[in-house]
């Protein structure tokens, strides 16, 4: 498990439907090590803090393995590291293998996996096409967010060492499935609700889904 690229960017104004929009999705690789702090990496910012950023979304990870899939989907496009707005492009960390609540050491820092990434219209801005939002979610190649447990310096080439595996065994991909195609999977819903690292917004949503399912709605 390795960090192959560290990508940062500050919000910039772009034009969407004739209107200016501020977005931090444009990330570019950096060569030097950087401090990873509780809310983000030094040199990185989010534009809309109502849906991006915060302690549970301090750092966004996207597996490098997925880039081959997207190159086949969009052969005409250049897809550099950071194209999906990720801070960390990694190898060996797939959504089907990583648990919500897994803890890792990266460089001097320690992090915990919190949730999958749900795409918004700004991914469409980055790609210059609105269909990427639906295709991204359907692919279940979402990447995932990290919360920072211990601040520290990180850099490309750093190994990611598993410190603790969450015992509930709820994968990042399981959360995405519950949102997209297994909304009434009661067993998985109950297991997900037991995961302490899962943010409150997801827990409230799944609790509501479970109540509706139990009531037959």
N, C-alpha and C. Protein backbone atom coordinates (compact mmCIF):
# COMPACT_ATOMS: atom_id res chain seq x y z
N UNK A 1 0.86 -1.19 0.00
CA UNK A 1 0.00 0.00 0.00
C UNK A 1 0.89 1.23 0.00
N UNK A 2 0.68 2.06 -1.00
CA UNK A 2 1.62 3.14 -1.20
C UNK A 2 0.93 4.42 -1.67
N UNK A 3 1.51 5.55 -1.29
CA UNK A 3 1.03 6.86 -1.71
C UNK A 3 1.85 7.26 -2.94
N UNK A 4 1.21 7.23 -4.12
CA UNK A 4 1.94 7.49 -5.36
C UNK A 4 1.89 8.95 -5.78
N UNK A 5 0.92 9.72 -5.26
CA UNK A 5 0.86 11.14 -5.58
C UNK A 5 0.11 11.88 -4.48
N UNK A 6 0.63 13.04 -4.11
CA UNK A 6 -0.05 13.95 -3.19
C UNK A 6 -0.49 15.15 -4.01
N UNK A 7 -1.78 15.48 -3.94
CA UNK A 7 -2.35 16.50 -4.82
C UNK A 7 -3.08 17.56 -3.98
N UNK A 8 -2.81 18.82 -4.27
CA UNK A 8 -3.46 19.90 -3.53
C UNK A 8 -3.92 20.98 -4.50
N UNK A 9 -4.80 21.83 -4.02
CA UNK A 9 -5.27 22.96 -4.82
C UNK A 9 -6.16 23.86 -4.00
N UNK A 10 -6.15 25.12 -4.32
CA UNK A 10 -7.02 26.08 -3.65
C UNK A 10 -8.21 26.38 -4.54
N UNK A 11 -9.34 26.80 -3.97
CA UNK A 11 -10.53 27.10 -4.78
C UNK A 11 -10.24 28.11 -5.89
N UNK A 12 -10.88 27.88 -7.02
CA UNK A 12 -10.79 28.81 -8.14
C UNK A 12 -12.18 29.04 -8.71
N UNK A 13 -12.35 30.15 -9.37
CA UNK A 13 -13.62 30.46 -10.00
C UNK A 13 -13.65 29.92 -11.42
N UNK A 14 -14.74 29.20 -11.73
CA UNK A 14 -14.97 28.71 -13.10
C UNK A 14 -16.39 29.11 -13.49
N UNK A 15 -16.66 29.10 -14.78
CA UNK A 15 -17.98 29.46 -15.28
C UNK A 15 -18.79 28.21 -15.56
N UNK A 16 -19.96 28.13 -14.97
CA UNK A 16 -20.89 27.02 -15.19
C UNK A 16 -22.25 27.60 -15.53
N UNK A 17 -22.78 27.23 -16.70
CA UNK A 17 -24.06 27.75 -17.17
C UNK A 17 -24.11 29.28 -17.11
N UNK A 18 -22.99 29.89 -17.44
CA UNK A 18 -22.93 31.34 -17.49
C UNK A 18 -22.74 32.02 -16.15
N UNK A 19 -22.61 31.23 -15.08
CA UNK A 19 -22.46 31.78 -13.74
C UNK A 19 -21.13 31.36 -13.12
N UNK A 20 -20.49 32.24 -12.35
CA UNK A 20 -19.23 31.86 -11.69
C UNK A 20 -19.48 30.89 -10.53
N UNK A 21 -18.64 29.88 -10.43
CA UNK A 21 -18.72 28.88 -9.37
C UNK A 21 -17.33 28.70 -8.77
N UNK A 22 -17.25 28.69 -7.45
CA UNK A 22 -15.98 28.45 -6.79
C UNK A 22 -15.83 26.95 -6.50
N UNK A 23 -14.71 26.37 -6.88
CA UNK A 23 -14.50 24.95 -6.66
C UNK A 23 -13.05 24.67 -6.32
N UNK A 24 -12.85 23.70 -5.44
CA UNK A 24 -11.51 23.27 -5.07
C UNK A 24 -11.15 21.93 -5.68
N UNK A 25 -11.89 21.50 -6.69
CA UNK A 25 -11.69 20.15 -7.24
C UNK A 25 -10.44 20.05 -8.11
N UNK A 26 -9.90 21.19 -8.54
CA UNK A 26 -8.71 21.16 -9.38
C UNK A 26 -7.46 20.97 -8.50
N UNK A 27 -6.98 19.74 -8.45
CA UNK A 27 -5.80 19.41 -7.63
C UNK A 27 -4.63 19.08 -8.55
N UNK A 28 -3.42 19.44 -8.10
CA UNK A 28 -2.22 19.14 -8.87
C UNK A 28 -1.19 18.47 -7.96
N UNK A 29 -0.44 17.51 -8.51
CA UNK A 29 0.59 16.83 -7.72
C UNK A 29 1.67 17.79 -7.24
N UNK A 30 2.18 17.51 -6.05
CA UNK A 30 3.31 18.27 -5.50
C UNK A 30 4.43 17.30 -5.19
N UNK A 31 5.67 17.80 -5.29
CA UNK A 31 6.82 16.93 -5.11
C UNK A 31 7.29 16.85 -3.67
N UNK A 32 7.20 17.96 -2.95
CA UNK A 32 7.74 18.01 -1.59
C UNK A 32 6.77 17.44 -0.57
N UNK A 33 7.26 16.90 0.53
CA UNK A 33 6.39 16.47 1.62
C UNK A 33 5.56 17.65 2.14
N UNK A 34 4.41 17.34 2.73
CA UNK A 34 3.49 18.37 3.19
C UNK A 34 2.87 17.94 4.51
N UNK A 35 2.48 18.92 5.32
CA UNK A 35 1.83 18.60 6.59
C UNK A 35 0.36 18.24 6.36
N UNK A 36 -0.06 17.12 6.95
CA UNK A 36 -1.46 16.74 6.95
C UNK A 36 -2.04 17.12 8.31
N UNK A 37 -3.04 18.00 8.28
CA UNK A 37 -3.62 18.51 9.50
C UNK A 37 -5.06 18.02 9.67
N UNK A 38 -5.68 18.40 10.76
CA UNK A 38 -7.00 17.88 11.12
C UNK A 38 -8.05 18.17 10.05
N UNK A 39 -7.94 19.29 9.35
CA UNK A 39 -8.97 19.67 8.37
C UNK A 39 -8.54 19.51 6.93
N UNK A 40 -7.24 19.47 6.65
CA UNK A 40 -6.79 19.32 5.27
C UNK A 40 -5.27 19.27 5.23
N UNK A 41 -4.73 19.18 4.02
CA UNK A 41 -3.30 19.28 3.81
C UNK A 41 -2.92 20.75 3.69
N UNK A 42 -1.72 21.09 4.11
CA UNK A 42 -1.24 22.44 3.86
C UNK A 42 -1.24 22.71 2.35
N UNK A 43 -1.77 23.87 1.98
CA UNK A 43 -1.83 24.21 0.56
C UNK A 43 -3.09 23.75 -0.12
N UNK A 44 -3.98 23.10 0.61
CA UNK A 44 -5.23 22.60 0.02
C UNK A 44 -6.42 23.21 0.75
N UNK A 45 -7.46 23.51 0.00
CA UNK A 45 -8.68 24.06 0.60
C UNK A 45 -9.90 23.54 -0.16
N UNK A 46 -11.06 23.54 0.53
CA UNK A 46 -12.33 23.20 -0.10
C UNK A 46 -13.13 24.49 -0.26
N UNK A 47 -13.94 24.54 -1.33
CA UNK A 47 -14.70 25.76 -1.60
C UNK A 47 -16.00 25.82 -0.81
N UNK A 48 -16.78 24.73 -0.84
CA UNK A 48 -18.09 24.71 -0.19
C UNK A 48 -18.02 23.80 1.03
N UNK A 49 -17.81 24.40 2.20
CA UNK A 49 -17.62 23.61 3.42
C UNK A 49 -18.91 22.99 3.94
N UNK A 50 -20.05 23.31 3.33
CA UNK A 50 -21.31 22.69 3.75
C UNK A 50 -21.38 21.24 3.29
N UNK A 51 -20.65 20.89 2.24
CA UNK A 51 -20.68 19.51 1.73
C UNK A 51 -19.28 18.91 1.58
N UNK A 52 -18.25 19.74 1.62
CA UNK A 52 -16.88 19.25 1.48
C UNK A 52 -16.08 19.64 2.72
N UNK A 53 -15.05 18.87 2.97
CA UNK A 53 -14.17 19.22 4.08
C UNK A 53 -14.76 18.86 5.44
N UNK A 54 -14.16 19.39 6.48
CA UNK A 54 -14.54 19.03 7.84
C UNK A 54 -13.68 17.88 8.33
N UNK A 55 -13.70 17.60 9.62
CA UNK A 55 -12.83 16.56 10.19
C UNK A 55 -13.00 15.18 9.56
N UNK A 56 -14.23 14.80 9.20
CA UNK A 56 -14.43 13.46 8.63
C UNK A 56 -14.08 13.38 7.16
N UNK A 57 -13.82 14.53 6.53
CA UNK A 57 -13.44 14.57 5.11
C UNK A 57 -12.17 15.38 4.93
N UNK A 58 -11.23 15.19 5.82
CA UNK A 58 -10.00 15.99 5.77
C UNK A 58 -9.17 15.70 4.53
N UNK A 59 -9.13 14.43 4.14
CA UNK A 59 -8.31 14.01 3.00
C UNK A 59 -9.12 13.03 2.15
N UNK A 60 -9.08 13.24 0.83
CA UNK A 60 -9.79 12.35 -0.08
C UNK A 60 -8.77 11.46 -0.80
N UNK A 61 -9.04 10.15 -0.77
CA UNK A 61 -8.16 9.14 -1.37
C UNK A 61 -8.82 8.55 -2.61
N UNK A 62 -8.04 8.39 -3.69
CA UNK A 62 -8.56 7.70 -4.87
C UNK A 62 -7.53 6.69 -5.35
N UNK A 63 -7.96 5.43 -5.56
CA UNK A 63 -7.03 4.39 -5.98
C UNK A 63 -6.50 4.61 -7.40
N UNK A 64 -5.18 4.52 -7.55
CA UNK A 64 -4.57 4.65 -8.87
C UNK A 64 -5.05 3.55 -9.82
N UNK A 65 -5.41 2.40 -9.24
CA UNK A 65 -5.87 1.28 -10.08
C UNK A 65 -7.10 1.64 -10.92
N UNK A 66 -7.91 2.56 -10.44
CA UNK A 66 -9.14 2.93 -11.16
C UNK A 66 -8.88 3.76 -12.41
N UNK A 67 -7.73 4.36 -12.48
CA UNK A 67 -7.45 5.23 -13.63
C UNK A 67 -7.47 4.46 -14.95
N UNK A 68 -7.05 3.20 -14.93
CA UNK A 68 -7.09 2.40 -16.17
C UNK A 68 -8.52 2.22 -16.65
N UNK A 69 -9.44 2.00 -15.71
CA UNK A 69 -10.86 1.88 -16.07
C UNK A 69 -11.35 3.15 -16.75
N UNK A 70 -11.03 4.30 -16.15
CA UNK A 70 -11.53 5.57 -16.69
C UNK A 70 -10.84 5.94 -18.00
N UNK A 71 -9.61 5.50 -18.20
CA UNK A 71 -8.94 5.73 -19.48
C UNK A 71 -9.64 4.95 -20.59
N UNK A 72 -10.17 3.80 -20.26
CA UNK A 72 -10.95 3.04 -21.25
C UNK A 72 -12.30 3.69 -21.50
N UNK A 73 -12.89 4.26 -20.45
CA UNK A 73 -14.18 4.94 -20.59
C UNK A 73 -14.05 6.23 -21.38
N UNK A 74 -12.96 6.96 -21.18
CA UNK A 74 -12.75 8.26 -21.82
C UNK A 74 -11.37 8.28 -22.49
N UNK A 75 -11.19 7.50 -23.57
CA UNK A 75 -9.86 7.39 -24.20
C UNK A 75 -9.34 8.70 -24.78
N UNK A 76 -10.24 9.64 -25.02
CA UNK A 76 -9.83 10.91 -25.61
C UNK A 76 -9.31 11.90 -24.57
N UNK A 77 -9.45 11.58 -23.28
CA UNK A 77 -9.12 12.52 -22.22
C UNK A 77 -7.75 12.24 -21.61
N UNK A 78 -7.09 13.32 -21.20
CA UNK A 78 -5.88 13.21 -20.39
C UNK A 78 -6.32 13.12 -18.93
N UNK A 79 -5.83 12.10 -18.23
CA UNK A 79 -6.25 11.88 -16.84
C UNK A 79 -5.03 11.85 -15.92
N UNK A 80 -4.55 13.03 -15.54
CA UNK A 80 -3.40 13.07 -14.62
C UNK A 80 -3.82 12.74 -13.20
N UNK A 81 -2.86 12.37 -12.36
CA UNK A 81 -3.16 12.16 -10.94
C UNK A 81 -3.83 13.42 -10.38
N UNK A 82 -4.85 13.22 -9.57
CA UNK A 82 -5.59 14.34 -9.00
C UNK A 82 -6.83 14.71 -9.81
N UNK A 83 -7.07 14.00 -10.91
CA UNK A 83 -8.18 14.33 -11.80
C UNK A 83 -9.53 14.25 -11.09
N UNK A 84 -9.65 13.38 -10.13
CA UNK A 84 -10.93 13.21 -9.42
C UNK A 84 -11.03 14.10 -8.19
N UNK A 85 -10.08 15.01 -8.05
CA UNK A 85 -10.08 15.90 -6.90
C UNK A 85 -9.50 15.29 -5.66
N UNK A 86 -8.80 14.15 -5.85
CA UNK A 86 -8.24 13.46 -4.68
C UNK A 86 -6.97 14.13 -4.19
N UNK A 87 -6.79 14.06 -2.89
CA UNK A 87 -5.54 14.51 -2.28
C UNK A 87 -4.46 13.44 -2.35
N UNK A 88 -4.88 12.18 -2.15
CA UNK A 88 -3.95 11.07 -2.20
C UNK A 88 -4.35 10.13 -3.34
N UNK A 89 -3.42 9.88 -4.25
CA UNK A 89 -3.60 8.81 -5.22
C UNK A 89 -2.77 7.64 -4.70
N UNK A 90 -3.39 6.47 -4.52
CA UNK A 90 -2.75 5.36 -3.82
C UNK A 90 -2.78 4.07 -4.63
N UNK A 91 -1.97 3.13 -4.23
CA UNK A 91 -2.07 1.76 -4.74
C UNK A 91 -2.29 0.83 -3.56
N UNK A 92 -3.06 -0.24 -3.80
CA UNK A 92 -3.28 -1.27 -2.78
C UNK A 92 -4.39 -0.98 -1.80
N UNK A 93 -5.19 0.07 -2.05
CA UNK A 93 -6.28 0.41 -1.14
C UNK A 93 -7.58 0.52 -1.95
N UNK A 94 -8.27 -0.58 -2.09
CA UNK A 94 -9.51 -0.59 -2.87
C UNK A 94 -10.73 -0.57 -1.96
N UNK A 95 -11.80 0.02 -2.45
CA UNK A 95 -13.04 0.16 -1.68
C UNK A 95 -13.63 -1.18 -1.28
N UNK A 96 -13.35 -2.21 -2.07
CA UNK A 96 -13.87 -3.55 -1.77
C UNK A 96 -13.06 -4.26 -0.69
N UNK A 97 -11.92 -3.71 -0.32
CA UNK A 97 -11.05 -4.34 0.67
C UNK A 97 -10.95 -3.57 1.98
N UNK A 98 -11.12 -2.24 1.90
CA UNK A 98 -10.89 -1.39 3.06
C UNK A 98 -12.18 -1.22 3.86
N UNK A 99 -12.08 -1.33 5.18
CA UNK A 99 -13.23 -1.15 6.06
C UNK A 99 -13.39 0.31 6.48
N UNK A 100 -14.62 0.74 6.65
CA UNK A 100 -14.87 1.96 7.38
C UNK A 100 -14.35 1.75 8.80
N UNK A 101 -13.53 2.67 9.28
CA UNK A 101 -12.96 2.53 10.61
C UNK A 101 -11.56 1.95 10.65
N UNK A 102 -11.04 1.51 9.50
CA UNK A 102 -9.65 1.05 9.46
C UNK A 102 -8.71 2.22 9.73
N UNK A 103 -7.65 1.94 10.49
CA UNK A 103 -6.68 2.99 10.82
C UNK A 103 -5.35 2.69 10.13
N UNK A 104 -4.73 3.74 9.59
CA UNK A 104 -3.46 3.60 8.88
C UNK A 104 -2.45 4.63 9.38
N UNK A 105 -1.18 4.28 9.26
CA UNK A 105 -0.10 5.22 9.49
C UNK A 105 0.49 5.59 8.13
N UNK A 106 0.62 6.90 7.89
CA UNK A 106 1.21 7.40 6.65
C UNK A 106 2.27 8.42 7.04
N UNK A 107 3.52 8.14 6.73
CA UNK A 107 4.57 9.06 7.14
C UNK A 107 4.54 9.25 8.63
N UNK A 108 4.41 10.50 9.06
CA UNK A 108 4.36 10.81 10.48
C UNK A 108 2.94 10.83 11.02
N UNK A 109 1.96 10.66 10.16
CA UNK A 109 0.56 10.85 10.52
C UNK A 109 -0.19 9.53 10.70
N UNK A 110 -1.36 9.65 11.34
CA UNK A 110 -2.25 8.50 11.49
C UNK A 110 -3.66 8.93 11.10
N UNK A 111 -4.35 8.06 10.35
CA UNK A 111 -5.67 8.40 9.82
C UNK A 111 -6.65 7.26 10.02
N UNK A 112 -7.95 7.57 9.83
CA UNK A 112 -8.99 6.56 9.91
C UNK A 112 -9.94 6.74 8.72
N UNK A 113 -10.36 5.65 8.13
CA UNK A 113 -11.28 5.67 6.99
C UNK A 113 -12.69 5.98 7.48
N UNK A 114 -13.36 6.96 6.84
CA UNK A 114 -14.67 7.39 7.35
C UNK A 114 -15.85 7.11 6.42
N UNK A 115 -15.71 7.34 5.11
CA UNK A 115 -16.86 7.22 4.22
C UNK A 115 -16.44 7.25 2.76
N UNK A 116 -17.30 6.74 1.87
CA UNK A 116 -17.03 6.87 0.44
C UNK A 116 -17.31 8.29 -0.04
N UNK A 117 -16.80 8.62 -1.20
CA UNK A 117 -17.06 9.93 -1.78
C UNK A 117 -18.33 9.85 -2.63
N UNK A 118 -19.25 10.77 -2.40
CA UNK A 118 -20.44 10.90 -3.24
C UNK A 118 -20.20 12.07 -4.21
N UNK A 119 -20.36 11.85 -5.51
CA UNK A 119 -20.01 12.89 -6.48
C UNK A 119 -21.04 14.02 -6.50
N UNK A 120 -20.57 15.24 -6.77
CA UNK A 120 -21.45 16.38 -6.96
C UNK A 120 -21.19 16.97 -8.34
N UNK A 121 -21.91 18.00 -8.67
CA UNK A 121 -21.82 18.58 -10.02
C UNK A 121 -20.43 19.11 -10.35
N UNK A 122 -19.62 19.36 -9.32
CA UNK A 122 -18.28 19.89 -9.58
C UNK A 122 -17.36 18.85 -10.22
N UNK A 123 -17.66 17.57 -10.04
CA UNK A 123 -16.92 16.55 -10.78
C UNK A 123 -17.20 16.70 -12.27
N UNK A 124 -18.44 17.07 -12.59
CA UNK A 124 -18.80 17.34 -13.99
C UNK A 124 -18.05 18.53 -14.54
N UNK A 125 -17.83 19.53 -13.70
CA UNK A 125 -17.04 20.69 -14.12
C UNK A 125 -15.61 20.26 -14.44
N UNK A 126 -15.04 19.45 -13.58
CA UNK A 126 -13.65 19.01 -13.77
C UNK A 126 -13.49 18.21 -15.06
N UNK A 127 -14.48 17.37 -15.36
CA UNK A 127 -14.39 16.52 -16.54
C UNK A 127 -14.96 17.18 -17.79
N UNK A 128 -15.69 18.29 -17.59
CA UNK A 128 -16.31 18.94 -18.74
C UNK A 128 -17.45 18.14 -19.32
N UNK A 129 -18.10 17.31 -18.49
CA UNK A 129 -19.23 16.49 -18.95
C UNK A 129 -20.06 16.09 -17.74
N UNK A 130 -21.37 16.23 -17.86
CA UNK A 130 -22.25 15.95 -16.73
C UNK A 130 -22.48 14.45 -16.51
N UNK A 131 -22.29 13.62 -17.53
CA UNK A 131 -22.57 12.20 -17.37
C UNK A 131 -21.58 11.51 -16.44
N UNK A 132 -20.46 12.14 -16.14
CA UNK A 132 -19.48 11.51 -15.26
C UNK A 132 -20.06 11.29 -13.87
N UNK A 133 -20.99 12.12 -13.44
CA UNK A 133 -21.52 12.00 -12.08
C UNK A 133 -22.25 10.67 -11.91
N UNK A 134 -23.14 10.36 -12.84
CA UNK A 134 -23.88 9.10 -12.78
C UNK A 134 -22.95 7.91 -13.00
N UNK A 135 -22.05 8.04 -13.95
CA UNK A 135 -21.15 6.94 -14.28
C UNK A 135 -20.17 6.66 -13.13
N UNK A 136 -19.75 7.71 -12.46
CA UNK A 136 -18.85 7.57 -11.32
C UNK A 136 -19.51 6.78 -10.21
N UNK A 137 -20.75 7.12 -9.88
CA UNK A 137 -21.46 6.44 -8.80
C UNK A 137 -21.78 5.00 -9.19
N UNK A 138 -22.22 4.78 -10.43
CA UNK A 138 -22.56 3.43 -10.88
C UNK A 138 -21.33 2.52 -10.90
N UNK A 139 -20.18 3.10 -11.15
CA UNK A 139 -18.95 2.29 -11.21
C UNK A 139 -18.54 1.76 -9.85
N UNK A 140 -19.02 2.43 -8.79
CA UNK A 140 -18.65 2.13 -7.41
C UNK A 140 -17.15 2.30 -7.17
N UNK A 141 -16.50 3.01 -8.07
CA UNK A 141 -15.09 3.38 -7.90
C UNK A 141 -15.07 4.79 -7.31
N UNK A 142 -15.45 4.89 -6.05
CA UNK A 142 -15.72 6.19 -5.44
C UNK A 142 -14.53 6.82 -4.74
N UNK A 143 -13.55 6.00 -4.35
CA UNK A 143 -12.55 6.48 -3.43
C UNK A 143 -13.17 6.66 -2.05
N UNK A 144 -12.42 7.24 -1.13
CA UNK A 144 -12.95 7.38 0.23
C UNK A 144 -12.23 8.49 0.97
N UNK A 145 -12.85 8.91 2.07
CA UNK A 145 -12.30 9.99 2.89
C UNK A 145 -11.59 9.46 4.12
N UNK A 146 -10.67 10.28 4.60
CA UNK A 146 -9.94 9.99 5.83
C UNK A 146 -10.13 11.12 6.83
N UNK A 147 -10.24 10.76 8.09
CA UNK A 147 -10.11 11.71 9.18
C UNK A 147 -8.70 11.57 9.75
N UNK A 148 -8.15 12.66 10.21
CA UNK A 148 -6.77 12.67 10.71
C UNK A 148 -6.77 12.49 12.23
N UNK A 149 -6.19 11.40 12.68
CA UNK A 149 -6.10 11.11 14.12
C UNK A 149 -4.83 11.72 14.72
N UNK A 150 -3.79 11.77 13.93
CA UNK A 150 -2.51 12.35 14.36
C UNK A 150 -1.93 13.12 13.19
N UNK A 151 -1.71 14.42 13.38
CA UNK A 151 -1.15 15.24 12.32
C UNK A 151 0.32 14.87 12.08
N UNK A 152 0.78 15.11 10.85
CA UNK A 152 2.17 14.81 10.55
C UNK A 152 2.48 15.06 9.09
N UNK A 153 3.74 14.97 8.75
CA UNK A 153 4.19 15.21 7.38
C UNK A 153 4.05 13.94 6.54
N UNK A 154 3.55 14.12 5.32
CA UNK A 154 3.39 13.00 4.38
C UNK A 154 3.95 13.41 3.03
N UNK A 155 4.28 12.41 2.20
CA UNK A 155 4.78 12.72 0.88
C UNK A 155 4.63 11.53 -0.05
N UNK A 156 4.67 11.79 -1.35
CA UNK A 156 4.51 10.70 -2.31
C UNK A 156 5.65 9.69 -2.12
N UNK A 157 5.31 8.44 -2.25
CA UNK A 157 6.26 7.36 -1.98
C UNK A 157 6.11 6.76 -0.60
N UNK A 158 5.40 7.45 0.30
CA UNK A 158 5.20 6.91 1.64
C UNK A 158 4.37 5.63 1.60
N UNK A 159 4.71 4.70 2.46
CA UNK A 159 3.91 3.49 2.62
C UNK A 159 2.75 3.76 3.56
N UNK A 160 1.65 3.07 3.34
CA UNK A 160 0.50 3.12 4.24
C UNK A 160 0.48 1.81 5.02
N UNK A 161 0.66 1.93 6.32
CA UNK A 161 0.71 0.75 7.17
C UNK A 161 -0.59 0.62 7.95
N UNK A 162 -1.21 -0.55 7.88
CA UNK A 162 -2.44 -0.79 8.62
C UNK A 162 -2.11 -0.89 10.11
N UNK A 163 -2.75 -0.03 10.89
CA UNK A 163 -2.55 0.00 12.34
C UNK A 163 -3.60 -0.83 13.05
N UNK A 164 -4.84 -0.70 12.59
CA UNK A 164 -5.95 -1.42 13.23
C UNK A 164 -7.07 -1.65 12.22
N UNK A 165 -7.54 -2.87 12.15
CA UNK A 165 -8.64 -3.24 11.26
C UNK A 165 -9.94 -3.13 12.04
N UNK A 166 -10.94 -2.42 11.48
CA UNK A 166 -12.22 -2.31 12.19
C UNK A 166 -12.92 -3.66 12.22
N UNK A 167 -13.38 -4.05 13.39
CA UNK A 167 -13.94 -5.38 13.60
C UNK A 167 -15.30 -5.60 12.96
N UNK A 168 -16.01 -4.52 12.59
CA UNK A 168 -17.35 -4.68 12.03
C UNK A 168 -17.34 -5.16 10.59
N UNK A 169 -16.18 -5.05 9.94
CA UNK A 169 -16.00 -5.60 8.59
C UNK A 169 -17.00 -5.02 7.59
N UNK A 170 -17.25 -3.72 7.69
CA UNK A 170 -18.12 -3.03 6.72
C UNK A 170 -17.22 -2.27 5.75
N UNK A 171 -17.19 -2.73 4.51
CA UNK A 171 -16.31 -2.15 3.51
C UNK A 171 -16.81 -0.78 3.06
N UNK A 172 -15.89 0.01 2.51
CA UNK A 172 -16.28 1.28 1.89
C UNK A 172 -17.32 1.02 0.80
N UNK A 173 -17.11 -0.02 0.01
CA UNK A 173 -18.04 -0.37 -1.07
C UNK A 173 -19.42 -0.76 -0.53
N UNK A 174 -19.48 -1.30 0.67
CA UNK A 174 -20.77 -1.66 1.26
C UNK A 174 -21.63 -0.41 1.48
N UNK A 175 -21.01 0.68 1.92
CA UNK A 175 -21.75 1.92 2.16
C UNK A 175 -22.31 2.45 0.83
N UNK A 176 -21.50 2.39 -0.21
CA UNK A 176 -21.96 2.83 -1.53
C UNK A 176 -23.12 1.97 -2.02
N UNK A 177 -23.03 0.66 -1.82
CA UNK A 177 -24.10 -0.25 -2.24
C UNK A 177 -25.40 0.05 -1.51
N UNK A 178 -25.29 0.37 -0.23
CA UNK A 178 -26.49 0.70 0.55
C UNK A 178 -27.15 1.97 0.02
N UNK A 179 -26.38 2.83 -0.57
CA UNK A 179 -26.90 4.09 -1.11
C UNK A 179 -27.49 3.91 -2.50
N UNK A 180 -26.93 2.95 -3.28
CA UNK A 180 -27.32 2.83 -4.68
C UNK A 180 -28.25 1.66 -4.99
N UNK A 181 -27.85 0.45 -4.65
CA UNK A 181 -28.60 -0.71 -5.15
C UNK A 181 -29.02 -1.72 -4.08
N UNK A 182 -28.69 -1.47 -2.82
CA UNK A 182 -29.12 -2.38 -1.76
C UNK A 182 -29.72 -1.59 -0.60
N UNK A 183 -30.60 -0.68 -0.93
CA UNK A 183 -31.15 0.24 0.08
C UNK A 183 -31.93 -0.47 1.17
N UNK A 184 -32.44 -1.66 0.88
CA UNK A 184 -33.25 -2.37 1.86
C UNK A 184 -32.55 -3.60 2.43
N UNK A 185 -31.24 -3.63 2.35
CA UNK A 185 -30.47 -4.72 2.92
C UNK A 185 -30.38 -4.51 4.43
N UNK A 186 -31.34 -5.06 5.16
CA UNK A 186 -31.44 -4.80 6.60
C UNK A 186 -30.22 -5.28 7.37
N UNK A 187 -29.68 -6.42 7.01
CA UNK A 187 -28.52 -6.95 7.72
C UNK A 187 -27.34 -6.00 7.60
N UNK A 188 -27.09 -5.53 6.38
CA UNK A 188 -25.97 -4.63 6.16
C UNK A 188 -26.23 -3.25 6.77
N UNK A 189 -27.48 -2.80 6.72
CA UNK A 189 -27.83 -1.54 7.35
C UNK A 189 -27.53 -1.57 8.85
N UNK A 190 -27.90 -2.65 9.51
CA UNK A 190 -27.68 -2.77 10.95
C UNK A 190 -26.18 -2.82 11.26
N UNK A 191 -25.43 -3.54 10.44
CA UNK A 191 -23.98 -3.61 10.66
C UNK A 191 -23.34 -2.24 10.47
N UNK A 192 -23.78 -1.51 9.45
CA UNK A 192 -23.22 -0.19 9.18
C UNK A 192 -23.49 0.76 10.34
N UNK A 193 -24.66 0.65 10.93
CA UNK A 193 -25.02 1.54 12.03
C UNK A 193 -24.17 1.29 13.28
N UNK A 194 -23.52 0.15 13.35
CA UNK A 194 -22.67 -0.16 14.51
C UNK A 194 -21.25 0.39 14.38
N UNK A 195 -20.91 0.90 13.19
CA UNK A 195 -19.55 1.37 12.94
C UNK A 195 -19.39 2.80 13.47
N UNK A 196 -18.61 2.95 14.51
CA UNK A 196 -18.46 4.25 15.16
C UNK A 196 -17.83 5.30 14.25
N UNK A 197 -16.97 4.88 13.35
CA UNK A 197 -16.26 5.84 12.49
C UNK A 197 -17.14 6.42 11.39
N UNK A 198 -18.28 5.81 11.13
CA UNK A 198 -19.18 6.31 10.08
C UNK A 198 -19.81 7.62 10.54
N UNK A 199 -19.69 8.70 9.75
CA UNK A 199 -20.21 10.00 10.17
C UNK A 199 -21.71 10.00 10.43
N UNK A 200 -22.14 10.98 11.24
CA UNK A 200 -23.53 11.05 11.68
C UNK A 200 -24.54 11.16 10.56
N UNK A 201 -24.19 11.87 9.49
CA UNK A 201 -25.12 12.02 8.38
C UNK A 201 -25.49 10.69 7.74
N UNK A 202 -24.51 9.83 7.57
CA UNK A 202 -24.77 8.49 7.04
C UNK A 202 -25.59 7.66 8.03
N UNK A 203 -25.26 7.75 9.29
CA UNK A 203 -25.95 6.95 10.29
C UNK A 203 -27.43 7.34 10.36
N UNK A 204 -27.71 8.64 10.29
CA UNK A 204 -29.10 9.11 10.30
C UNK A 204 -29.85 8.61 9.06
N UNK A 205 -29.18 8.68 7.92
CA UNK A 205 -29.79 8.22 6.67
C UNK A 205 -30.10 6.72 6.73
N UNK A 206 -29.15 5.94 7.21
CA UNK A 206 -29.35 4.49 7.27
C UNK A 206 -30.40 4.12 8.32
N UNK A 207 -30.45 4.86 9.42
CA UNK A 207 -31.47 4.60 10.43
C UNK A 207 -32.86 4.84 9.85
N UNK A 208 -32.99 5.89 9.07
CA UNK A 208 -34.26 6.18 8.41
C UNK A 208 -34.62 5.10 7.41
N UNK A 209 -33.61 4.64 6.64
CA UNK A 209 -33.86 3.56 5.67
C UNK A 209 -34.33 2.29 6.39
N UNK A 210 -33.70 1.99 7.51
CA UNK A 210 -34.04 0.78 8.25
C UNK A 210 -35.46 0.87 8.81
N UNK A 211 -35.82 2.02 9.33
CA UNK A 211 -37.17 2.22 9.86
C UNK A 211 -38.22 2.08 8.77
N UNK A 212 -37.94 2.62 7.60
CA UNK A 212 -38.87 2.50 6.48
C UNK A 212 -38.99 1.06 6.01
N UNK A 213 -37.85 0.37 5.99
CA UNK A 213 -37.86 -1.01 5.58
C UNK A 213 -38.63 -1.88 6.56
N UNK A 214 -38.45 -1.62 7.86
CA UNK A 214 -39.16 -2.39 8.89
C UNK A 214 -40.66 -2.13 8.84
N UNK A 215 -41.04 -0.93 8.44
CA UNK A 215 -42.46 -0.58 8.39
C UNK A 215 -43.11 -0.96 7.05
N UNK A 216 -42.29 -1.47 6.13
CA UNK A 216 -42.83 -1.88 4.84
C UNK A 216 -43.01 -0.78 3.84
N UNK A 217 -42.45 0.40 4.10
CA UNK A 217 -42.58 1.50 3.16
C UNK A 217 -41.61 1.37 2.00
